[in-house]
Amino acid sequence: MDYFTAVRTFIRVVETGSFAKAADSLELPRNTVTKLVQALEAHLRVKLLHRTTRKVSTTNDGAMYFDRMVHLLEEWHEVESELSSGQKKPHGRLRVDMGASMASQLVIPALPDFRRRYPICNWTWASATGRWT
């Protein structure tokens, strides 16, 4: 059993109130949705859902499990977002060597803005007249 898929499927069944609607929204066969939820219940050794021909509702354990897993999945997505957005921002060490006139005309005036925009970059600037960081 793919545990992550089973949990996502269980959450969708609870959110939609129906195995059929969950299957449609997940683009899975209805039979697969049923088997995933059953496998999750077998794995946990607890009944998560009350099933009737007309509706699906959570058991007490199912309601607690739903609330906790929704929270965990939200945190998981937050962490992934933070990591992926962190990879888009420049970070690390930057070393630039240039002549003094270029440094004084172009680089030094841009340093405050650069430091504001990329606070996690460490840099070393060097010119023929000296070195600063």
N, C-alpha and C. Protein backbone atom coordinates (compact mmCIF):
# COMPACT_ATOMS: atom_id res chain seq x y z
N MET A 1 0.84 -1.18 0.00
CA MET A 1 0.00 0.00 0.00
C MET A 1 0.88 1.25 0.00
N ASP A 2 0.56 2.19 -0.86
CA ASP A 2 1.21 3.50 -0.85
C ASP A 2 0.50 4.33 0.22
N TYR A 3 1.17 4.47 1.36
CA TYR A 3 0.56 5.10 2.53
C TYR A 3 0.11 6.53 2.23
N PHE A 4 0.96 7.30 1.57
CA PHE A 4 0.64 8.69 1.26
C PHE A 4 -0.63 8.78 0.40
N THR A 5 -0.71 7.94 -0.62
CA THR A 5 -1.89 7.94 -1.48
C THR A 5 -3.13 7.51 -0.71
N ALA A 6 -2.99 6.53 0.16
CA ALA A 6 -4.13 6.07 0.96
C ALA A 6 -4.63 7.19 1.88
N VAL A 7 -3.72 7.91 2.51
CA VAL A 7 -4.12 9.01 3.39
C VAL A 7 -4.80 10.12 2.59
N ARG A 8 -4.21 10.49 1.47
CA ARG A 8 -4.82 11.51 0.61
C ARG A 8 -6.21 11.10 0.16
N THR A 9 -6.36 9.83 -0.16
CA THR A 9 -7.65 9.30 -0.61
C THR A 9 -8.66 9.35 0.52
N PHE A 10 -8.26 8.92 1.70
CA PHE A 10 -9.16 8.99 2.86
C PHE A 10 -9.62 10.42 3.10
N ILE A 11 -8.69 11.36 3.06
CA ILE A 11 -9.03 12.77 3.27
C ILE A 11 -10.05 13.24 2.23
N ARG A 12 -9.85 12.86 0.98
CA ARG A 12 -10.76 13.29 -0.07
C ARG A 12 -12.14 12.67 0.11
N VAL A 13 -12.20 11.41 0.56
CA VAL A 13 -13.49 10.77 0.81
C VAL A 13 -14.24 11.54 1.90
N VAL A 14 -13.54 11.92 2.96
CA VAL A 14 -14.18 12.67 4.04
C VAL A 14 -14.62 14.04 3.54
N GLU A 15 -13.77 14.72 2.78
CA GLU A 15 -14.10 16.06 2.29
C GLU A 15 -15.31 16.04 1.36
N THR A 16 -15.38 15.04 0.51
CA THR A 16 -16.48 14.98 -0.45
C THR A 16 -17.71 14.26 0.09
N GLY A 17 -17.50 13.45 1.14
CA GLY A 17 -18.61 12.70 1.72
C GLY A 17 -19.04 11.51 0.89
N SER A 18 -18.19 11.10 -0.04
CA SER A 18 -18.58 10.03 -0.95
C SER A 18 -17.34 9.39 -1.59
N PHE A 19 -17.39 8.06 -1.71
CA PHE A 19 -16.32 7.36 -2.41
C PHE A 19 -16.33 7.71 -3.89
N ALA A 20 -17.53 7.80 -4.47
CA ALA A 20 -17.65 8.10 -5.90
C ALA A 20 -17.11 9.49 -6.22
N LYS A 21 -17.49 10.49 -5.42
CA LYS A 21 -17.01 11.86 -5.66
C LYS A 21 -15.50 11.95 -5.45
N ALA A 22 -15.01 11.25 -4.43
CA ALA A 22 -13.56 11.23 -4.20
C ALA A 22 -12.84 10.60 -5.38
N ALA A 23 -13.38 9.51 -5.89
CA ALA A 23 -12.78 8.84 -7.05
C ALA A 23 -12.74 9.78 -8.25
N ASP A 24 -13.83 10.48 -8.48
CA ASP A 24 -13.88 11.44 -9.61
C ASP A 24 -12.84 12.54 -9.44
N SER A 25 -12.76 13.13 -8.24
CA SER A 25 -11.84 14.25 -8.05
C SER A 25 -10.38 13.80 -8.08
N LEU A 26 -10.12 12.56 -7.67
CA LEU A 26 -8.74 12.04 -7.70
C LEU A 26 -8.40 11.37 -9.03
N GLU A 27 -9.42 11.26 -9.88
CA GLU A 27 -9.27 10.58 -11.18
C GLU A 27 -8.76 9.15 -10.99
N LEU A 28 -9.41 8.45 -10.06
CA LEU A 28 -9.10 7.05 -9.78
C LEU A 28 -10.38 6.24 -9.92
N PRO A 29 -10.25 4.95 -10.23
CA PRO A 29 -11.44 4.11 -10.23
C PRO A 29 -12.03 4.02 -8.82
N ARG A 30 -13.33 3.95 -8.75
CA ARG A 30 -14.02 3.89 -7.45
C ARG A 30 -13.54 2.70 -6.63
N ASN A 31 -13.32 1.59 -7.29
CA ASN A 31 -12.84 0.39 -6.63
C ASN A 31 -11.47 0.63 -5.98
N THR A 32 -10.62 1.38 -6.63
CA THR A 32 -9.29 1.69 -6.08
C THR A 32 -9.42 2.54 -4.83
N VAL A 33 -10.30 3.52 -4.86
CA VAL A 33 -10.52 4.39 -3.69
C VAL A 33 -10.99 3.54 -2.52
N THR A 34 -11.93 2.64 -2.76
CA THR A 34 -12.44 1.77 -1.70
C THR A 34 -11.31 0.91 -1.14
N LYS A 35 -10.51 0.32 -2.01
CA LYS A 35 -9.41 -0.56 -1.56
C LYS A 35 -8.35 0.22 -0.78
N LEU A 36 -8.06 1.44 -1.20
CA LEU A 36 -7.06 2.25 -0.48
C LEU A 36 -7.53 2.58 0.93
N VAL A 37 -8.79 2.95 1.07
CA VAL A 37 -9.32 3.26 2.40
C VAL A 37 -9.37 1.99 3.26
N GLN A 38 -9.77 0.90 2.68
CA GLN A 38 -9.80 -0.36 3.43
C GLN A 38 -8.39 -0.77 3.87
N ALA A 39 -7.41 -0.60 3.00
CA ALA A 39 -6.03 -0.93 3.35
C ALA A 39 -5.52 -0.02 4.46
N LEU A 40 -5.90 1.24 4.42
CA LEU A 40 -5.50 2.17 5.47
C LEU A 40 -6.12 1.76 6.80
N GLU A 41 -7.39 1.40 6.79
CA GLU A 41 -8.05 0.94 8.02
C GLU A 41 -7.39 -0.34 8.53
N ALA A 42 -7.04 -1.24 7.64
CA ALA A 42 -6.38 -2.49 8.06
C ALA A 42 -5.00 -2.19 8.65
N HIS A 43 -4.30 -1.27 8.02
CA HIS A 43 -2.97 -0.89 8.51
C HIS A 43 -3.06 -0.28 9.92
N LEU A 44 -4.02 0.58 10.11
CA LEU A 44 -4.19 1.26 11.41
C LEU A 44 -4.93 0.38 12.43
N ARG A 45 -5.58 -0.67 11.94
CA ARG A 45 -6.38 -1.56 12.79
C ARG A 45 -7.49 -0.80 13.51
N VAL A 46 -8.13 0.08 12.76
CA VAL A 46 -9.24 0.86 13.30
C VAL A 46 -10.19 1.22 12.15
N LYS A 47 -11.46 1.28 12.45
CA LYS A 47 -12.44 1.70 11.46
C LYS A 47 -12.48 3.22 11.42
N LEU A 48 -12.29 3.78 10.25
CA LEU A 48 -12.24 5.24 10.10
C LEU A 48 -13.56 5.82 9.62
N LEU A 49 -14.34 5.02 8.89
CA LEU A 49 -15.55 5.53 8.26
C LEU A 49 -16.77 4.65 8.54
N HIS A 50 -17.91 5.29 8.73
CA HIS A 50 -19.21 4.62 8.73
C HIS A 50 -19.70 4.71 7.29
N ARG A 51 -20.06 3.57 6.71
CA ARG A 51 -20.53 3.56 5.33
C ARG A 51 -21.99 3.10 5.28
N THR A 52 -22.79 3.85 4.56
CA THR A 52 -24.14 3.40 4.23
C THR A 52 -24.29 3.56 2.73
N THR A 53 -25.40 3.13 2.21
CA THR A 53 -25.61 3.28 0.76
C THR A 53 -25.80 4.74 0.37
N ARG A 54 -26.16 5.57 1.33
CA ARG A 54 -26.44 6.97 1.02
C ARG A 54 -25.34 7.94 1.42
N LYS A 55 -24.57 7.60 2.45
CA LYS A 55 -23.55 8.56 2.86
C LYS A 55 -22.39 7.89 3.58
N VAL A 56 -21.33 8.66 3.71
CA VAL A 56 -20.13 8.24 4.41
C VAL A 56 -19.88 9.28 5.51
N SER A 57 -19.60 8.80 6.71
CA SER A 57 -19.25 9.72 7.80
C SER A 57 -18.09 9.11 8.58
N THR A 58 -17.41 9.95 9.31
CA THR A 58 -16.25 9.46 10.07
C THR A 58 -16.69 8.87 11.40
N THR A 59 -15.92 7.89 11.84
CA THR A 59 -16.05 7.41 13.20
C THR A 59 -15.35 8.44 14.09
N ASN A 60 -15.39 8.27 15.39
CA ASN A 60 -14.64 9.18 16.28
C ASN A 60 -13.15 9.11 15.96
N ASP A 61 -12.64 7.88 15.78
CA ASP A 61 -11.23 7.73 15.43
C ASP A 61 -10.94 8.34 14.05
N GLY A 62 -11.87 8.15 13.13
CA GLY A 62 -11.70 8.70 11.79
C GLY A 62 -11.67 10.21 11.78
N ALA A 63 -12.51 10.83 12.61
CA ALA A 63 -12.53 12.30 12.70
C ALA A 63 -11.21 12.82 13.26
N MET A 64 -10.71 12.17 14.30
CA MET A 64 -9.43 12.58 14.88
C MET A 64 -8.30 12.38 13.87
N TYR A 65 -8.31 11.24 13.20
CA TYR A 65 -7.27 10.94 12.21
C TYR A 65 -7.32 11.95 11.06
N PHE A 66 -8.52 12.25 10.59
CA PHE A 66 -8.70 13.23 9.51
C PHE A 66 -8.11 14.58 9.91
N ASP A 67 -8.49 15.09 11.08
CA ASP A 67 -8.01 16.40 11.53
C ASP A 67 -6.49 16.43 11.61
N ARG A 68 -5.92 15.41 12.19
CA ARG A 68 -4.46 15.39 12.37
C ARG A 68 -3.73 15.24 11.04
N MET A 69 -4.25 14.40 10.15
CA MET A 69 -3.58 14.18 8.87
C MET A 69 -3.70 15.40 7.96
N VAL A 70 -4.84 16.07 8.00
CA VAL A 70 -4.98 17.30 7.21
C VAL A 70 -3.93 18.31 7.67
N HIS A 71 -3.77 18.44 8.98
CA HIS A 71 -2.77 19.37 9.53
C HIS A 71 -1.35 18.96 9.10
N LEU A 72 -1.05 17.68 9.19
CA LEU A 72 0.28 17.21 8.79
C LEU A 72 0.55 17.44 7.31
N LEU A 73 -0.44 17.20 6.47
CA LEU A 73 -0.25 17.42 5.04
C LEU A 73 -0.08 18.90 4.72
N GLU A 74 -0.78 19.76 5.43
CA GLU A 74 -0.59 21.21 5.23
C GLU A 74 0.83 21.60 5.60
N GLU A 75 1.34 21.07 6.71
CA GLU A 75 2.72 21.36 7.10
C GLU A 75 3.70 20.82 6.06
N TRP A 76 3.44 19.62 5.57
CA TRP A 76 4.30 19.01 4.55
C TRP A 76 4.37 19.92 3.33
N HIS A 77 3.22 20.40 2.86
CA HIS A 77 3.20 21.29 1.69
C HIS A 77 3.92 22.61 1.99
N GLU A 78 3.79 23.12 3.20
CA GLU A 78 4.49 24.35 3.59
C GLU A 78 6.00 24.16 3.50
N VAL A 79 6.47 23.04 4.04
CA VAL A 79 7.91 22.76 4.02
C VAL A 79 8.40 22.65 2.58
N GLU A 80 7.67 21.94 1.75
CA GLU A 80 8.07 21.81 0.35
C GLU A 80 8.08 23.16 -0.35
N SER A 81 7.11 24.01 -0.05
CA SER A 81 7.07 25.35 -0.64
C SER A 81 8.27 26.17 -0.21
N GLU A 82 8.56 26.12 1.08
CA GLU A 82 9.71 26.87 1.60
C GLU A 82 11.00 26.41 0.94
N LEU A 83 11.15 25.10 0.81
CA LEU A 83 12.37 24.57 0.21
C LEU A 83 12.47 24.94 -1.26
N SER A 84 11.38 24.79 -1.98
CA SER A 84 11.45 25.08 -3.41
C SER A 84 11.61 26.57 -3.66
N SER A 85 10.98 27.42 -2.85
CA SER A 85 11.15 28.86 -3.04
C SER A 85 12.54 29.29 -2.59
N GLY A 86 13.09 28.61 -1.59
CA GLY A 86 14.45 28.92 -1.14
C GLY A 86 15.49 28.61 -2.20
N GLN A 87 15.21 27.60 -3.02
CA GLN A 87 16.14 27.25 -4.08
C GLN A 87 16.13 28.27 -5.21
N LYS A 88 15.06 29.05 -5.31
CA LYS A 88 14.97 30.05 -6.37
C LYS A 88 15.70 31.33 -5.99
N LYS A 89 15.98 31.51 -4.71
CA LYS A 89 16.65 32.72 -4.27
C LYS A 89 18.16 32.48 -4.28
N PRO A 90 18.91 33.46 -4.79
CA PRO A 90 20.36 33.30 -4.75
C PRO A 90 20.85 33.16 -3.32
N HIS A 91 21.78 32.25 -3.13
CA HIS A 91 22.36 32.04 -1.82
C HIS A 91 23.77 31.50 -2.02
N GLY A 92 24.57 31.57 -0.97
CA GLY A 92 25.93 31.07 -1.04
C GLY A 92 26.94 32.19 -1.02
N ARG A 93 28.13 31.88 -1.50
CA ARG A 93 29.23 32.83 -1.49
C ARG A 93 29.45 33.37 -2.90
N LEU A 94 29.66 34.67 -2.99
CA LEU A 94 29.91 35.35 -4.27
C LEU A 94 31.22 36.12 -4.14
N ARG A 95 32.11 35.92 -5.10
CA ARG A 95 33.39 36.65 -5.11
C ARG A 95 33.48 37.38 -6.44
N VAL A 96 33.72 38.68 -6.35
CA VAL A 96 33.82 39.51 -7.55
C VAL A 96 35.11 40.31 -7.49
N ASP A 97 35.92 40.20 -8.55
CA ASP A 97 37.15 40.99 -8.68
C ASP A 97 36.95 41.97 -9.83
N MET A 98 37.31 43.24 -9.60
CA MET A 98 37.13 44.25 -10.64
C MET A 98 38.02 45.44 -10.37
N GLY A 99 38.10 46.30 -11.34
CA GLY A 99 38.88 47.51 -11.20
C GLY A 99 38.20 48.49 -10.25
N ALA A 100 38.99 49.40 -9.66
CA ALA A 100 38.48 50.34 -8.67
C ALA A 100 37.42 51.28 -9.25
N SER A 101 37.59 51.72 -10.48
CA SER A 101 36.61 52.66 -11.04
C SER A 101 35.26 51.97 -11.25
N MET A 102 35.28 50.75 -11.72
CA MET A 102 34.02 50.03 -11.90
C MET A 102 33.36 49.78 -10.54
N ALA A 103 34.15 49.42 -9.55
CA ALA A 103 33.61 49.17 -8.21
C ALA A 103 32.95 50.44 -7.67
N SER A 104 33.65 51.59 -7.78
CA SER A 104 33.10 52.81 -7.20
C SER A 104 31.90 53.34 -7.98
N GLN A 105 31.85 53.12 -9.28
CA GLN A 105 30.74 53.64 -10.08
C GLN A 105 29.52 52.70 -10.13
N LEU A 106 29.75 51.41 -10.14
CA LEU A 106 28.64 50.48 -10.33
C LEU A 106 28.31 49.64 -9.10
N VAL A 107 29.32 49.07 -8.51
CA VAL A 107 29.07 48.05 -7.48
C VAL A 107 28.75 48.67 -6.12
N ILE A 108 29.57 49.57 -5.65
CA ILE A 108 29.37 50.13 -4.31
C ILE A 108 28.00 50.80 -4.18
N PRO A 109 27.53 51.59 -5.16
CA PRO A 109 26.19 52.16 -5.03
C PRO A 109 25.07 51.10 -4.99
N ALA A 110 25.31 49.94 -5.59
CA ALA A 110 24.28 48.89 -5.63
C ALA A 110 24.32 47.97 -4.42
N LEU A 111 25.34 48.06 -3.58
CA LEU A 111 25.46 47.14 -2.45
C LEU A 111 24.29 47.17 -1.46
N PRO A 112 23.81 48.33 -1.05
CA PRO A 112 22.69 48.31 -0.09
C PRO A 112 21.46 47.58 -0.64
N ASP A 113 21.12 47.83 -1.90
CA ASP A 113 19.97 47.15 -2.50
C ASP A 113 20.23 45.65 -2.62
N PHE A 114 21.44 45.28 -3.02
CA PHE A 114 21.80 43.87 -3.13
C PHE A 114 21.66 43.17 -1.77
N ARG A 115 22.15 43.80 -0.73
CA ARG A 115 22.10 43.21 0.61
C ARG A 115 20.65 43.05 1.09
N ARG A 116 19.78 44.02 0.76
CA ARG A 116 18.36 43.91 1.12
C ARG A 116 17.68 42.78 0.35
N ARG A 117 17.97 42.68 -0.93
CA ARG A 117 17.31 41.67 -1.77
C ARG A 117 17.82 40.26 -1.53
N TYR A 118 19.11 40.12 -1.19
CA TYR A 118 19.71 38.79 -1.04
C TYR A 118 20.47 38.70 0.28
N PRO A 119 19.75 38.72 1.39
CA PRO A 119 20.42 38.74 2.69
C PRO A 119 21.19 37.47 3.03
N ILE A 120 20.90 36.36 2.34
CA ILE A 120 21.61 35.13 2.68
C ILE A 120 22.84 34.90 1.81
N CYS A 121 23.19 35.88 0.98
CA CYS A 121 24.41 35.79 0.19
C CYS A 121 25.58 36.37 0.98
N ASN A 122 26.67 35.68 0.96
CA ASN A 122 27.92 36.21 1.51
C ASN A 122 28.78 36.59 0.31
N TRP A 123 29.42 37.72 0.38
CA TRP A 123 30.20 38.14 -0.76
C TRP A 123 31.54 38.69 -0.34
N THR A 124 32.45 38.60 -1.28
CA THR A 124 33.76 39.23 -1.16
C THR A 124 33.99 40.01 -2.44
N TRP A 125 34.20 41.32 -2.30
CA TRP A 125 34.48 42.18 -3.44
C TRP A 125 35.94 42.58 -3.36
N ALA A 126 36.61 42.53 -4.45
CA ALA A 126 38.03 42.90 -4.46
C ALA A 126 38.31 43.80 -5.65
N SER A 127 39.19 44.78 -5.43
CA SER A 127 39.64 45.63 -6.52
C SER A 127 41.14 45.82 -6.35
N ALA A 128 41.73 46.49 -7.30
CA ALA A 128 43.17 46.71 -7.26
C ALA A 128 43.58 47.56 -6.05
N THR A 129 42.66 48.38 -5.52
CA THR A 129 42.98 49.26 -4.41
C THR A 129 42.72 48.65 -3.05
N GLY A 130 42.10 47.53 -3.00
CA GLY A 130 41.81 46.93 -1.70
C GLY A 130 40.73 45.87 -1.77
N ARG A 131 40.39 45.34 -0.61
CA ARG A 131 39.41 44.27 -0.53
C ARG A 131 38.44 44.59 0.60
N TRP A 132 37.18 44.33 0.39
CA TRP A 132 36.19 44.52 1.44
C TRP A 132 35.14 43.42 1.33
N THR A 133 34.43 43.20 2.41
CA THR A 133 33.38 42.16 2.39
C THR A 133 32.10 42.74 2.94
